[in-house]
Amino acid sequence: MTRIAVVGCGAWGRNLIRTCAELGVLGAVIDTDPAAARREAGAWNVPAPSLAQALDDARLDAMIVAAPAPAHAALCRLALDHGKDVFVEKPLASDLAEAEDLAAHVARSDRVFMVGHLLRHHTAFEALAAIVARGEIGPLRYITASRLSLGRVRTHENAFLSLSPHDVSMILALAGAAPLTVEAAGRAFVTPGVADEVHADLGFPPLGPAGGLHAHIAASWLSPFKEQKLVVVGETGSLVFDDVRPWPEKLMRRDHTVALTDAGPLAAGGEPRFVDLPAEPPLTREIRHFVQCCQTRNAPITGIDEGLRVQRVLERVQAQLKRHLDQLPAPSIP
């Protein structure tokens, strides 16, 4: 049986700890705050060793890294060097150079390595991707992704790095290609140099699987409302994955046509309808997939190669965003 040590007892780390416990694979809980680790470990009747003790414990097969983002790459390297399979929450690394160094580490090991791009395991996205793959809405025209809320404002990473890696992962999966162009802009209202709202545009090659697809991504933690939505528009229909809505309404489909008339182009749409989905938490599906990969030694859906593809896009967005912010005066909230 696979035994997993979860590193990090923050808000998301506690979700991972609970999910591992429910799946029967939680082996230990680790945190830089020993009291927090003991509290979480005690709730699930597992030990709370130090990081060094966990790395040397042969009974622990794998590690889930849910520590603050700047520590991700270093913790992953340690785990790999000690023969552990690794699941790391997004972002994979602080920058592309660090991600590529980590990828070289993974290549030298025989370990399973998975990046936590949660929404790739959501039943709504899986159903959406299957509909697109079957050609049921025709060639893709454009995609919009929005991740907005009035929520936790971070100071060590901007809103795009914090909120949008999931959207980048989903868009790249649908496009089947890397973007040809990347443009980004944003504003830093709270912490100088750390954008609180970001807009990015990805343009894909005119030839190949993406066929000139355009994608727009919006991220903000200063929005007055919460929105977690992926809109995929094809030639003959569209799909809307709205993760704020209840399970029966998370994936909506609408067919449409555009006819040329004497009066000009006329667009018409059928009635929107919801797609039936299994109501299973994506985190449960994601961790179950990691455990299965550890047991079968199969490559995860979101392995190191996919992590690098996402990291390359994030790097290009950050470069564009920095240039944009450098040209603006630093505003402040009244």
C-alpha atoms as a PDB file:
ATOM      1  CA  MET A   1       0.000   0.000   0.000  1.00  0.00           C
ATOM      2  CA  THR A   2       1.257   3.453  -0.924  1.00  0.00           C
ATOM      3  CA  ARG A   3       2.025   5.689   2.076  1.00  0.00           C
ATOM      4  CA  ILE A   4       2.244   9.428   1.497  1.00  0.00           C
ATOM      5  CA  ALA A   5       3.766  12.190   3.620  1.00  0.00           C
ATOM      6  CA  VAL A   6       2.098  15.563   3.112  1.00  0.00           C
ATOM      7  CA  VAL A   7       4.472  18.510   3.500  1.00  0.00           C
ATOM      8  CA  GLY A   8       2.576  21.653   4.465  1.00  0.00           C
ATOM      9  CA  CYS A   9      -0.391  22.271   6.781  1.00  0.00           C
ATOM     10  CA  GLY A  10      -1.775  25.432   5.233  1.00  0.00           C
ATOM     11  CA  ALA A  11      -5.364  25.773   4.036  1.00  0.00           C
ATOM     12  CA  TRP A  12      -4.825  23.662   0.914  1.00  0.00           C
ATOM     13  CA  GLY A  13      -2.425  21.334   2.679  1.00  0.00           C
ATOM     14  CA  ARG A  14      -5.180  20.442   5.124  1.00  0.00           C
ATOM     15  CA  ASN A  15      -7.431  19.516   2.185  1.00  0.00           C
ATOM     16  CA  LEU A  16      -4.706  17.248   0.846  1.00  0.00           C
ATOM     17  CA  ILE A  17      -4.179  15.681   4.261  1.00  0.00           C
ATOM     18  CA  ARG A  18      -7.900  14.961   4.627  1.00  0.00           C
ATOM     19  CA  THR A  19      -8.153  13.535   1.103  1.00  0.00           C
ATOM     20  CA  CYS A  20      -5.145  11.244   1.600  1.00  0.00           C
ATOM     21  CA  ALA A  21      -6.626  10.056   4.895  1.00  0.00           C
ATOM     22  CA  GLU A  22      -9.996   9.345   3.282  1.00  0.00           C
ATOM     23  CA  LEU A  23      -8.253   7.330   0.561  1.00  0.00           C
ATOM     24  CA  GLY A  24      -6.298   5.399   3.194  1.00  0.00           C
ATOM     25  CA  VAL A  25      -2.846   6.521   1.995  1.00  0.00           C
ATOM     26  CA  LEU A  26      -1.852   9.186   4.546  1.00  0.00           C
ATOM     27  CA  GLY A  27       1.403   8.162   6.208  1.00  0.00           C
ATOM     28  CA  ALA A  28       2.688  11.347   7.877  1.00  0.00           C
ATOM     29  CA  VAL A  29       2.222  15.101   8.173  1.00  0.00           C
ATOM     30  CA  ILE A  30       5.135  17.560   8.070  1.00  0.00           C
ATOM     31  CA  ASP A  31       5.302  21.313   8.602  1.00  0.00           C
ATOM     32  CA  THR A  32       7.847  23.937   9.633  1.00  0.00           C
ATOM     33  CA  ASP A  33       5.484  24.567  12.564  1.00  0.00           C
ATOM     34  CA  PRO A  34       5.769  21.316  14.587  1.00  0.00           C
ATOM     35  CA  ALA A  35       2.659  22.135  16.636  1.00  0.00           C
ATOM     36  CA  ALA A  36       0.558  22.524  13.473  1.00  0.00           C
ATOM     37  CA  ALA A  37       1.930  19.246  12.117  1.00  0.00           C
ATOM     38  CA  ARG A  38       1.152  17.404  15.372  1.00  0.00           C
ATOM     39  CA  ARG A  39      -2.367  18.838  15.431  1.00  0.00           C
ATOM     40  CA  GLU A  40      -3.160  17.696  11.866  1.00  0.00           C
ATOM     41  CA  ALA A  41      -1.387  14.362  12.293  1.00  0.00           C
ATOM     42  CA  GLY A  42      -3.235  13.678  15.531  1.00  0.00           C
ATOM     43  CA  ALA A  43      -6.590  14.249  13.846  1.00  0.00           C
ATOM     44  CA  TRP A  44      -5.832  11.343  11.495  1.00  0.00           C
ATOM     45  CA  ASN A  45      -3.736   9.178  13.816  1.00  0.00           C
ATOM     46  CA  VAL A  46      -0.488   9.397  11.841  1.00  0.00           C
ATOM     47  CA  PRO A  47       2.993  10.573  12.945  1.00  0.00           C
ATOM     48  CA  ALA A  48       4.357  14.101  12.530  1.00  0.00           C
ATOM     49  CA  PRO A  49       8.081  13.550  11.877  1.00  0.00           C
ATOM     50  CA  SER A  50      10.618  16.145  10.871  1.00  0.00           C
ATOM     51  CA  LEU A  51      11.337  16.509   7.169  1.00  0.00           C
ATOM     52  CA  ALA A  52      14.688  14.740   7.589  1.00  0.00           C
ATOM     53  CA  GLN A  53      13.046  11.839   9.424  1.00  0.00           C
ATOM     54  CA  ALA A  54      10.360  11.486   6.749  1.00  0.00           C
ATOM     55  CA  LEU A  55      12.907  11.531   3.935  1.00  0.00           C
ATOM     56  CA  ASP A  56      14.839   8.709   5.596  1.00  0.00           C
ATOM     57  CA  ASP A  57      11.724   6.651   6.384  1.00  0.00           C
ATOM     58  CA  ALA A  58      11.505   3.782   3.888  1.00  0.00           C
ATOM     59  CA  ARG A  59       7.882   3.167   4.923  1.00  0.00           C
ATOM     60  CA  LEU A  60       6.906   6.456   3.253  1.00  0.00           C
ATOM     61  CA  ASP A  61       6.748   5.863  -0.498  1.00  0.00           C
ATOM     62  CA  ALA A  62       5.751   9.330  -1.710  1.00  0.00           C
ATOM     63  CA  MET A  63       5.566  12.994  -0.764  1.00  0.00           C
ATOM     64  CA  ILE A  64       2.998  15.640  -1.529  1.00  0.00           C
ATOM     65  CA  VAL A  65       4.580  19.104  -1.493  1.00  0.00           C
ATOM     66  CA  ALA A  66       2.072  21.750  -0.427  1.00  0.00           C
ATOM     67  CA  ALA A  67       4.505  24.193   1.163  1.00  0.00           C
ATOM     68  CA  PRO A  68       4.735  27.880   0.091  1.00  0.00           C
ATOM     69  CA  ALA A  69       5.507  28.143  -3.615  1.00  0.00           C
ATOM     70  CA  PRO A  70       9.122  29.413  -3.305  1.00  0.00           C
ATOM     71  CA  ALA A  71      10.064  26.152  -1.516  1.00  0.00           C
ATOM     72  CA  HIS A  72       8.498  23.772  -4.062  1.00  0.00           C
ATOM     73  CA  ALA A  73      11.501  22.992  -6.256  1.00  0.00           C
ATOM     74  CA  ALA A  74      13.968  22.459  -3.400  1.00  0.00           C
ATOM     75  CA  LEU A  75      11.588  20.134  -1.544  1.00  0.00           C
ATOM     76  CA  CYS A  76      10.914  18.163  -4.714  1.00  0.00           C
ATOM     77  CA  ARG A  77      14.630  17.656  -5.334  1.00  0.00           C
ATOM     78  CA  LEU A  78      15.107  16.435  -1.764  1.00  0.00           C
ATOM     79  CA  ALA A  79      12.244  13.978  -2.082  1.00  0.00           C
ATOM     80  CA  LEU A  80      13.504  12.650  -5.413  1.00  0.00           C
ATOM     81  CA  ASP A  81      17.039  12.280  -4.052  1.00  0.00           C
ATOM     82  CA  HIS A  82      15.629  10.151  -1.236  1.00  0.00           C
ATOM     83  CA  GLY A  83      13.743   7.858  -3.618  1.00  0.00           C
ATOM     84  CA  LYS A  84      10.242   9.239  -3.057  1.00  0.00           C
ATOM     85  CA  ASP A  85       7.544   9.604  -5.689  1.00  0.00           C
ATOM     86  CA  VAL A  86       6.464  13.252  -5.750  1.00  0.00           C
ATOM     87  CA  PHE A  87       3.272  15.244  -6.158  1.00  0.00           C
ATOM     88  CA  VAL A  88       3.829  19.020  -6.079  1.00  0.00           C
ATOM     89  CA  GLU A  89       1.155  21.671  -5.951  1.00  0.00           C
ATOM     90  CA  LYS A  90       1.247  24.430  -8.532  1.00  0.00           C
ATOM     91  CA  PRO A  91       3.276  26.364  -9.392  1.00  0.00           C
ATOM     92  CA  LEU A  92       5.940  23.812 -10.219  1.00  0.00           C
ATOM     93  CA  ALA A  93       8.779  26.278  -9.558  1.00  0.00           C
ATOM     94  CA  SER A  94       9.561  29.973  -9.150  1.00  0.00           C
ATOM     95  CA  ASP A  95      10.781  30.365 -12.730  1.00  0.00           C
ATOM     96  CA  LEU A  96      11.556  28.387 -15.869  1.00  0.00           C
ATOM     97  CA  ALA A  97      15.245  27.856 -15.070  1.00  0.00           C
ATOM     98  CA  GLU A  98      14.319  26.293 -11.730  1.00  0.00           C
ATOM     99  CA  ALA A  99      11.634  24.176 -13.412  1.00  0.00           C
ATOM    100  CA  GLU A 100      14.072  22.908 -16.056  1.00  0.00           C
ATOM    101  CA  ASP A 101      16.634  22.042 -13.373  1.00  0.00           C
ATOM    102  CA  LEU A 102      13.926  20.102 -11.532  1.00  0.00           C
ATOM    103  CA  ALA A 103      12.942  18.338 -14.773  1.00  0.00           C
ATOM    104  CA  ALA A 104      16.547  17.184 -15.171  1.00  0.00           C
ATOM    105  CA  HIS A 105      16.359  15.814 -11.618  1.00  0.00           C
ATOM    106  CA  VAL A 106      13.182  13.912 -12.495  1.00  0.00           C
ATOM    107  CA  ALA A 107      14.777  12.521 -15.680  1.00  0.00           C
ATOM    108  CA  ARG A 108      17.716  11.133 -13.678  1.00  0.00           C
ATOM    109  CA  SER A 109      15.376   9.371 -11.265  1.00  0.00           C
ATOM    110  CA  ASP A 110      12.975   6.493 -11.757  1.00  0.00           C
ATOM    111  CA  ARG A 111      10.320   8.218  -9.668  1.00  0.00           C
ATOM    112  CA  VAL A 112       6.743   9.171 -10.480  1.00  0.00           C
ATOM    113  CA  PHE A 113       6.409  12.957 -10.609  1.00  0.00           C
ATOM    114  CA  MET A 114       3.095  14.813 -10.842  1.00  0.00           C
ATOM    115  CA  VAL A 115       2.119  18.485 -10.803  1.00  0.00           C
ATOM    116  CA  GLY A 116      -1.133  19.441  -9.084  1.00  0.00           C
ATOM    117  CA  HIS A 117      -3.154  20.976 -11.900  1.00  0.00           C
ATOM    118  CA  LEU A 118      -6.389  20.129 -10.146  1.00  0.00           C
ATOM    119  CA  LEU A 119      -8.956  21.065 -12.774  1.00  0.00           C
ATOM    120  CA  ARG A 120      -7.554  18.606 -15.323  1.00  0.00           C
ATOM    121  CA  HIS A 121      -9.149  15.971 -13.052  1.00  0.00           C
ATOM    122  CA  HIS A 122     -12.513  17.721 -12.711  1.00  0.00           C
ATOM    123  CA  THR A 123     -15.325  15.667 -14.246  1.00  0.00           C
ATOM    124  CA  ALA A 124     -16.634  18.828 -15.954  1.00  0.00           C
ATOM    125  CA  PHE A 125     -13.319  19.451 -17.714  1.00  0.00           C
ATOM    126  CA  GLU A 126     -12.922  15.790 -18.621  1.00  0.00           C
ATOM    127  CA  ALA A 127     -16.392  15.811 -20.213  1.00  0.00           C
ATOM    128  CA  LEU A 128     -15.678  19.128 -21.957  1.00  0.00           C
ATOM    129  CA  ALA A 129     -12.362  17.872 -23.364  1.00  0.00           C
ATOM    130  CA  ALA A 130     -14.037  14.672 -24.614  1.00  0.00           C
ATOM    131  CA  ILE A 131     -16.735  16.679 -26.440  1.00  0.00           C
ATOM    132  CA  VAL A 132     -14.047  18.847 -28.061  1.00  0.00           C
ATOM    133  CA  ALA A 133     -11.954  15.806 -29.021  1.00  0.00           C
ATOM    134  CA  ARG A 134     -14.954  14.192 -30.730  1.00  0.00           C
ATOM    135  CA  GLY A 135     -15.405  17.322 -32.845  1.00  0.00           C
ATOM    136  CA  GLU A 136     -18.933  17.903 -31.586  1.00  0.00           C
ATOM    137  CA  ILE A 137     -18.567  21.715 -31.488  1.00  0.00           C
ATOM    138  CA  GLY A 138     -16.346  21.899 -34.571  1.00  0.00           C
ATOM    139  CA  PRO A 139     -12.878  23.464 -34.774  1.00  0.00           C
ATOM    140  CA  LEU A 140     -12.141  25.710 -31.796  1.00  0.00           C
ATOM    141  CA  ARG A 141     -12.366  29.459 -32.332  1.00  0.00           C
ATOM    142  CA  TYR A 142     -11.530  30.986 -28.966  1.00  0.00           C
ATOM    143  CA  ILE A 143     -11.381  30.301 -25.232  1.00  0.00           C
ATOM    144  CA  THR A 144     -11.864  32.637 -22.280  1.00  0.00           C
ATOM    145  CA  ALA A 145     -10.897  31.741 -18.720  1.00  0.00           C
ATOM    146  CA  SER A 146     -11.666  33.854 -15.659  1.00  0.00           C
ATOM    147  CA  ARG A 147     -10.637  33.271 -12.072  1.00  0.00           C
ATOM    148  CA  LEU A 148     -11.865  36.215 -10.008  1.00  0.00           C
ATOM    149  CA  SER A 149     -12.702  36.728  -6.350  1.00  0.00           C
ATOM    150  CA  LEU A 150     -12.405  39.040  -3.383  1.00  0.00           C
ATOM    151  CA  GLY A 151     -10.031  36.772  -1.550  1.00  0.00           C
ATOM    152  CA  ARG A 152      -6.589  36.209  -0.139  1.00  0.00           C
ATOM    153  CA  VAL A 153      -4.087  38.789  -1.394  1.00  0.00           C
ATOM    154  CA  ARG A 154      -0.600  37.326  -1.670  1.00  0.00           C
ATOM    155  CA  THR A 155       2.683  39.226  -1.546  1.00  0.00           C
ATOM    156  CA  HIS A 156       5.162  36.610  -2.872  1.00  0.00           C
ATOM    157  CA  GLU A 157       3.334  35.825  -6.145  1.00  0.00           C
ATOM    158  CA  ASN A 158       0.935  37.793  -8.332  1.00  0.00           C
ATOM    159  CA  ALA A 159      -2.683  36.942  -9.082  1.00  0.00           C
ATOM    160  CA  PHE A 160      -1.839  35.153 -12.328  1.00  0.00           C
ATOM    161  CA  LEU A 161       0.764  32.862 -10.754  1.00  0.00           C
ATOM    162  CA  SER A 162      -1.555  32.167  -7.840  1.00  0.00           C
ATOM    163  CA  LEU A 163      -4.826  31.631  -9.708  1.00  0.00           C
ATOM    164  CA  SER A 164      -4.244  30.903 -13.392  1.00  0.00           C
ATOM    165  CA  PRO A 165      -1.872  27.911 -13.783  1.00  0.00           C
ATOM    166  CA  HIS A 166      -4.984  25.673 -13.772  1.00  0.00           C
ATOM    167  CA  ASP A 167      -6.446  27.671 -16.658  1.00  0.00           C
ATOM    168  CA  VAL A 168      -3.188  27.578 -18.609  1.00  0.00           C
ATOM    169  CA  SER A 169      -3.054  23.796 -18.126  1.00  0.00           C
ATOM    170  CA  MET A 170      -6.622  23.328 -19.390  1.00  0.00           C
ATOM    171  CA  ILE A 171      -6.111  25.635 -22.376  1.00  0.00           C
ATOM    172  CA  LEU A 172      -2.877  23.905 -23.434  1.00  0.00           C
ATOM    173  CA  ALA A 173      -4.599  20.527 -23.150  1.00  0.00           C
ATOM    174  CA  LEU A 174      -7.413  21.695 -25.447  1.00  0.00           C
ATOM    175  CA  ALA A 175      -5.086  23.452 -27.893  1.00  0.00           C
ATOM    176  CA  GLY A 176      -2.620  20.580 -28.174  1.00  0.00           C
ATOM    177  CA  ALA A 177       0.124  23.111 -28.889  1.00  0.00           C
ATOM    178  CA  ALA A 178       2.205  25.860 -27.306  1.00  0.00           C
ATOM    179  CA  PRO A 179       1.122  29.468 -27.913  1.00  0.00           C
ATOM    180  CA  LEU A 180       2.895  31.379 -30.666  1.00  0.00           C
ATOM    181  CA  THR A 181       2.276  34.755 -29.028  1.00  0.00           C
ATOM    182  CA  VAL A 182       1.757  35.801 -25.397  1.00  0.00           C
ATOM    183  CA  GLU A 183       0.663  39.255 -24.259  1.00  0.00           C
ATOM    184  CA  ALA A 184      -0.119  40.329 -20.704  1.00  0.00           C
ATOM    185  CA  ALA A 185      -0.959  43.414 -18.680  1.00  0.00           C
ATOM    186  CA  GLY A 186      -2.024  44.104 -15.112  1.00  0.00           C
ATOM    187  CA  ARG A 187      -1.962  46.455 -12.146  1.00  0.00           C
ATOM    188  CA  ALA A 188      -0.403  46.253  -8.688  1.00  0.00           C
ATOM    189  CA  PHE A 189      -2.666  48.027  -6.216  1.00  0.00           C
ATOM    190  CA  VAL A 190      -1.592  46.545  -2.870  1.00  0.00           C
ATOM    191  CA  THR A 191       2.050  45.424  -3.039  1.00  0.00           C
ATOM    192  CA  PRO A 192       4.405  47.251  -5.426  1.00  0.00           C
ATOM    193  CA  GLY A 193       5.419  44.981  -8.287  1.00  0.00           C
ATOM    194  CA  VAL A 194       2.897  42.240  -7.402  1.00  0.00           C
ATOM    195  CA  ALA A 195      -0.063  42.445  -9.780  1.00  0.00           C
ATOM    196  CA  ASP A 196      -3.491  42.080  -8.198  1.00  0.00           C
ATOM    197  CA  GLU A 197      -5.313  41.837 -11.533  1.00  0.00           C
ATOM    198  CA  VAL A 198      -3.882  40.388 -14.722  1.00  0.00           C
ATOM    199  CA  HIS A 199      -5.137  39.846 -18.268  1.00  0.00           C
ATOM    200  CA  ALA A 200      -3.232  37.578 -20.655  1.00  0.00           C
ATOM    201  CA  ASP A 201      -3.816  36.692 -24.305  1.00  0.00           C
ATOM    202  CA  LEU A 202      -2.423  33.553 -25.942  1.00  0.00           C
ATOM    203  CA  GLY A 203      -2.309  33.223 -29.714  1.00  0.00           C
ATOM    204  CA  PHE A 204      -1.773  29.767 -31.203  1.00  0.00           C
ATOM    205  CA  PRO A 205      -0.232  28.889 -34.597  1.00  0.00           C
ATOM    206  CA  PRO A 206      -2.585  29.174 -37.602  1.00  0.00           C
ATOM    207  CA  LEU A 207      -1.559  25.694 -38.752  1.00  0.00           C
ATOM    208  CA  GLY A 208      -1.583  22.546 -36.647  1.00  0.00           C
ATOM    209  CA  PRO A 209      -3.908  21.244 -33.934  1.00  0.00           C
ATOM    210  CA  ALA A 210      -4.792  24.673 -32.498  1.00  0.00           C
ATOM    211  CA  GLY A 211      -5.708  26.143 -35.889  1.00  0.00           C
ATOM    212  CA  GLY A 212      -5.306  29.823 -34.966  1.00  0.00           C
ATOM    213  CA  LEU A 213      -7.037  29.481 -31.606  1.00  0.00           C
ATOM    214  CA  HIS A 214      -7.048  32.548 -29.352  1.00  0.00           C
ATOM    215  CA  ALA A 215      -7.322  32.370 -25.551  1.00  0.00           C
ATOM    216  CA  HIS A 216      -7.895  35.147 -23.028  1.00  0.00           C
ATOM    217  CA  ILE A 217      -7.239  34.654 -19.297  1.00  0.00           C
ATOM    218  CA  ALA A 218      -8.302  37.030 -16.496  1.00  0.00           C
ATOM    219  CA  ALA A 219      -7.183  36.736 -12.868  1.00  0.00           C
ATOM    220  CA  SER A 220      -7.934  38.974  -9.877  1.00  0.00           C
ATOM    221  CA  TRP A 221      -8.252  38.679  -6.108  1.00  0.00           C
ATOM    222  CA  LEU A 222      -9.820  42.155  -5.845  1.00  0.00           C
ATOM    223  CA  SER A 223     -12.988  41.377  -7.805  1.00  0.00           C
ATOM    224  CA  PRO A 224     -16.334  42.182  -6.111  1.00  0.00           C
ATOM    225  CA  PHE A 225     -17.705  38.776  -7.190  1.00  0.00           C
ATOM    226  CA  LYS A 226     -16.439  35.226  -7.510  1.00  0.00           C
ATOM    227  CA  GLU A 227     -16.047  33.711 -10.955  1.00  0.00           C
ATOM    228  CA  GLN A 228     -14.323  30.477 -11.981  1.00  0.00           C
ATOM    229  CA  LYS A 229     -15.284  29.934 -15.578  1.00  0.00           C
ATOM    230  CA  LEU A 230     -13.878  28.387 -18.759  1.00  0.00           C
ATOM    231  CA  VAL A 231     -15.739  29.230 -21.983  1.00  0.00           C
ATOM    232  CA  VAL A 232     -14.821  27.231 -25.095  1.00  0.00           C
ATOM    233  CA  VAL A 233     -16.307  28.409 -28.403  1.00  0.00           C
ATOM    234  CA  GLY A 234     -16.175  26.282 -31.514  1.00  0.00           C
ATOM    235  CA  GLU A 235     -17.502  26.634 -35.041  1.00  0.00           C
ATOM    236  CA  THR A 236     -20.826  24.915 -34.301  1.00  0.00           C
ATOM    237  CA  GLY A 237     -21.224  25.186 -30.539  1.00  0.00           C
ATOM    238  CA  SER A 238     -19.853  26.291 -27.205  1.00  0.00           C
ATOM    239  CA  LEU A 239     -19.188  24.821 -23.767  1.00  0.00           C
ATOM    240  CA  VAL A 240     -19.127  26.628 -20.425  1.00  0.00           C
ATOM    241  CA  PHE A 241     -17.437  25.073 -17.387  1.00  0.00           C
ATOM    242  CA  ASP A 242     -18.640  27.201 -14.468  1.00  0.00           C
ATOM    243  CA  ASP A 243     -17.172  25.856 -11.232  1.00  0.00           C
ATOM    244  CA  VAL A 244     -19.153  28.262  -9.051  1.00  0.00           C
ATOM    245  CA  ARG A 245     -22.473  26.660 -10.028  1.00  0.00           C
ATOM    246  CA  PRO A 246     -23.895  23.506  -8.374  1.00  0.00           C
ATOM    247  CA  TRP A 247     -22.851  20.113  -9.773  1.00  0.00           C
ATOM    248  CA  PRO A 248     -25.843  19.609 -12.093  1.00  0.00           C
ATOM    249  CA  GLU A 249     -25.058  22.970 -13.745  1.00  0.00           C
ATOM    250  CA  LYS A 250     -21.256  22.990 -13.893  1.00  0.00           C
ATOM    251  CA  LEU A 251     -21.027  22.180 -17.615  1.00  0.00           C
ATOM    252  CA  MET A 252     -23.380  23.862 -20.076  1.00  0.00           C
ATOM    253  CA  ARG A 253     -23.523  23.216 -23.824  1.00  0.00           C
ATOM    254  CA  ARG A 254     -25.136  25.284 -26.544  1.00  0.00           C
ATOM    255  CA  ASP A 255     -25.125  24.599 -30.280  1.00  0.00           C
ATOM    256  CA  HIS A 256     -25.105  27.495 -32.725  1.00  0.00           C
ATOM    257  CA  THR A 257     -24.989  28.331 -36.408  1.00  0.00           C
ATOM    258  CA  VAL A 258     -23.959  31.354 -38.449  1.00  0.00           C
ATOM    259  CA  ALA A 259     -25.851  31.729 -41.743  1.00  0.00           C
ATOM    260  CA  LEU A 260     -25.118  34.159 -44.555  1.00  0.00           C
ATOM    261  CA  THR A 261     -28.315  36.006 -45.483  1.00  0.00           C
ATOM    262  CA  ASP A 262     -29.115  38.914 -47.760  1.00  0.00           C
ATOM    263  CA  ALA A 263     -29.097  41.098 -44.671  1.00  0.00           C
ATOM    264  CA  GLY A 264     -25.667  39.835 -43.606  1.00  0.00           C
ATOM    265  CA  PRO A 265     -24.390  37.115 -41.280  1.00  0.00           C
ATOM    266  CA  LEU A 266     -27.002  35.839 -38.829  1.00  0.00           C
ATOM    267  CA  ALA A 267     -26.032  33.912 -35.694  1.00  0.00           C
ATOM    268  CA  ALA A 268     -28.568  31.639 -34.017  1.00  0.00           C
ATOM    269  CA  GLY A 269     -28.245  29.320 -31.050  1.00  0.00           C
ATOM    270  CA  GLY A 270     -30.103  26.315 -29.735  1.00  0.00           C
ATOM    271  CA  GLU A 271     -31.354  26.045 -26.185  1.00  0.00           C
ATOM    272  CA  PRO A 272     -28.596  25.791 -23.554  1.00  0.00           C
ATOM    273  CA  ARG A 273     -28.476  22.393 -21.865  1.00  0.00           C
ATOM    274  CA  PHE A 274     -26.480  20.972 -18.989  1.00  0.00           C
ATOM    275  CA  VAL A 275     -24.229  17.936 -19.349  1.00  0.00           C
ATOM    276  CA  ASP A 276     -24.661  15.153 -16.785  1.00  0.00           C
ATOM    277  CA  LEU A 277     -21.562  14.745 -14.585  1.00  0.00           C
ATOM    278  CA  PRO A 278     -20.472  12.433 -11.768  1.00  0.00           C
ATOM    279  CA  ALA A 279     -20.379  14.542  -8.597  1.00  0.00           C
ATOM    280  CA  GLU A 280     -16.962  13.511  -7.307  1.00  0.00           C
ATOM    281  CA  PRO A 281     -14.497  16.042  -5.862  1.00  0.00           C
ATOM    282  CA  PRO A 282     -11.627  16.700  -8.294  1.00  0.00           C
ATOM    283  CA  LEU A 283      -9.087  16.535  -5.469  1.00  0.00           C
ATOM    284  CA  THR A 284     -10.156  12.961  -4.676  1.00  0.00           C
ATOM    285  CA  ARG A 285      -9.794  12.036  -8.361  1.00  0.00           C
ATOM    286  CA  GLU A 286      -6.423  13.785  -8.593  1.00  0.00           C
ATOM    287  CA  ILE A 287      -4.876  12.084  -5.551  1.00  0.00           C
ATOM    288  CA  ARG A 288      -6.351   8.714  -6.571  1.00  0.00           C
ATOM    289  CA  HIS A 289      -4.685   9.175  -9.987  1.00  0.00           C
ATOM    290  CA  PHE A 290      -1.344   9.925  -8.297  1.00  0.00           C
ATOM    291  CA  VAL A 291      -1.643   6.830  -6.104  1.00  0.00           C
ATOM    292  CA  GLN A 292      -2.506   4.669  -9.116  1.00  0.00           C
ATOM    293  CA  CYS A 293       0.539   6.008 -10.980  1.00  0.00           C
ATOM    294  CA  CYS A 294       2.733   5.232  -7.975  1.00  0.00           C
ATOM    295  CA  GLN A 295       1.419   1.678  -7.947  1.00  0.00           C
ATOM    296  CA  THR A 296       1.478   1.015 -11.700  1.00  0.00           C
ATOM    297  CA  ARG A 297       4.521   3.234 -12.498  1.00  0.00           C
ATOM    298  CA  ASN A 298       2.552   4.856 -15.301  1.00  0.00           C
ATOM    299  CA  ALA A 299       3.181   8.495 -16.191  1.00  0.00           C
ATOM    300  CA  PRO A 300       0.646  10.948 -14.704  1.00  0.00           C
ATOM    301  CA  ILE A 301      -1.614  13.077 -16.882  1.00  0.00           C
ATOM    302  CA  THR A 302       0.077  16.167 -15.460  1.00  0.00           C
ATOM    303  CA  GLY A 303       3.665  14.974 -15.277  1.00  0.00           C
ATOM    304  CA  ILE A 304       6.880  16.962 -15.516  1.00  0.00           C
ATOM    305  CA  ASP A 305       6.557  17.561 -19.281  1.00  0.00           C
ATOM    306  CA  GLU A 306       3.124  19.115 -18.849  1.00  0.00           C
ATOM    307  CA  GLY A 307       4.451  21.082 -15.884  1.00  0.00           C
ATOM    308  CA  LEU A 308       7.214  22.513 -18.075  1.00  0.00           C
ATOM    309  CA  ARG A 309       4.749  23.467 -20.821  1.00  0.00           C
ATOM    310  CA  VAL A 310       2.681  25.406 -18.303  1.00  0.00           C
ATOM    311  CA  GLN A 311       5.791  26.955 -16.726  1.00  0.00           C
ATOM    312  CA  ARG A 312       6.968  28.246 -20.115  1.00  0.00           C
ATOM    313  CA  VAL A 313       3.684  30.081 -20.597  1.00  0.00           C
ATOM    314  CA  LEU A 314       3.812  31.460 -17.048  1.00  0.00           C
ATOM    315  CA  GLU A 315       7.347  32.709 -17.704  1.00  0.00           C
ATOM    316  CA  ARG A 316       6.277  34.546 -20.855  1.00  0.00           C
ATOM    317  CA  VAL A 317       3.308  36.094 -19.063  1.00  0.00           C
ATOM    318  CA  GLN A 318       5.558  37.270 -16.211  1.00  0.00           C
ATOM    319  CA  ALA A 319       8.022  38.887 -18.640  1.00  0.00           C
ATOM    320  CA  GLN A 320       5.217  40.762 -20.412  1.00  0.00           C
ATOM    321  CA  LEU A 321       3.641  41.735 -17.101  1.00  0.00           C
ATOM    322  CA  LYS A 322       6.889  43.090 -15.695  1.00  0.00           C
ATOM    323  CA  ARG A 323       7.404  45.283 -18.746  1.00  0.00           C
ATOM    324  CA  HIS A 324       3.864  46.589 -18.407  1.00  0.00           C
ATOM    325  CA  LEU A 325       4.154  47.304 -14.667  1.00  0.00           C
ATOM    326  CA  ASP A 326       7.528  48.996 -15.088  1.00  0.00           C
ATOM    327  CA  GLN A 327       5.875  51.585 -17.321  1.00  0.00           C
ATOM    328  CA  LEU A 328       3.147  52.445 -14.799  1.00  0.00           C
ATOM    329  CA  PRO A 329       3.160  54.542 -11.633  1.00  0.00           C
ATOM    330  CA  ALA A 330       2.430  52.467  -8.526  1.00  0.00           C
ATOM    331  CA  PRO A 331      -1.247  53.101  -7.640  1.00  0.00           C
ATOM    332  CA  SER A 332      -2.806  52.596  -4.232  1.00  0.00           C
ATOM    333  CA  ILE A 333      -6.245  51.741  -2.931  1.00  0.00           C
ATOM    334  CA  PRO A 334      -7.868  54.812  -1.269  1.00  0.00           C
END
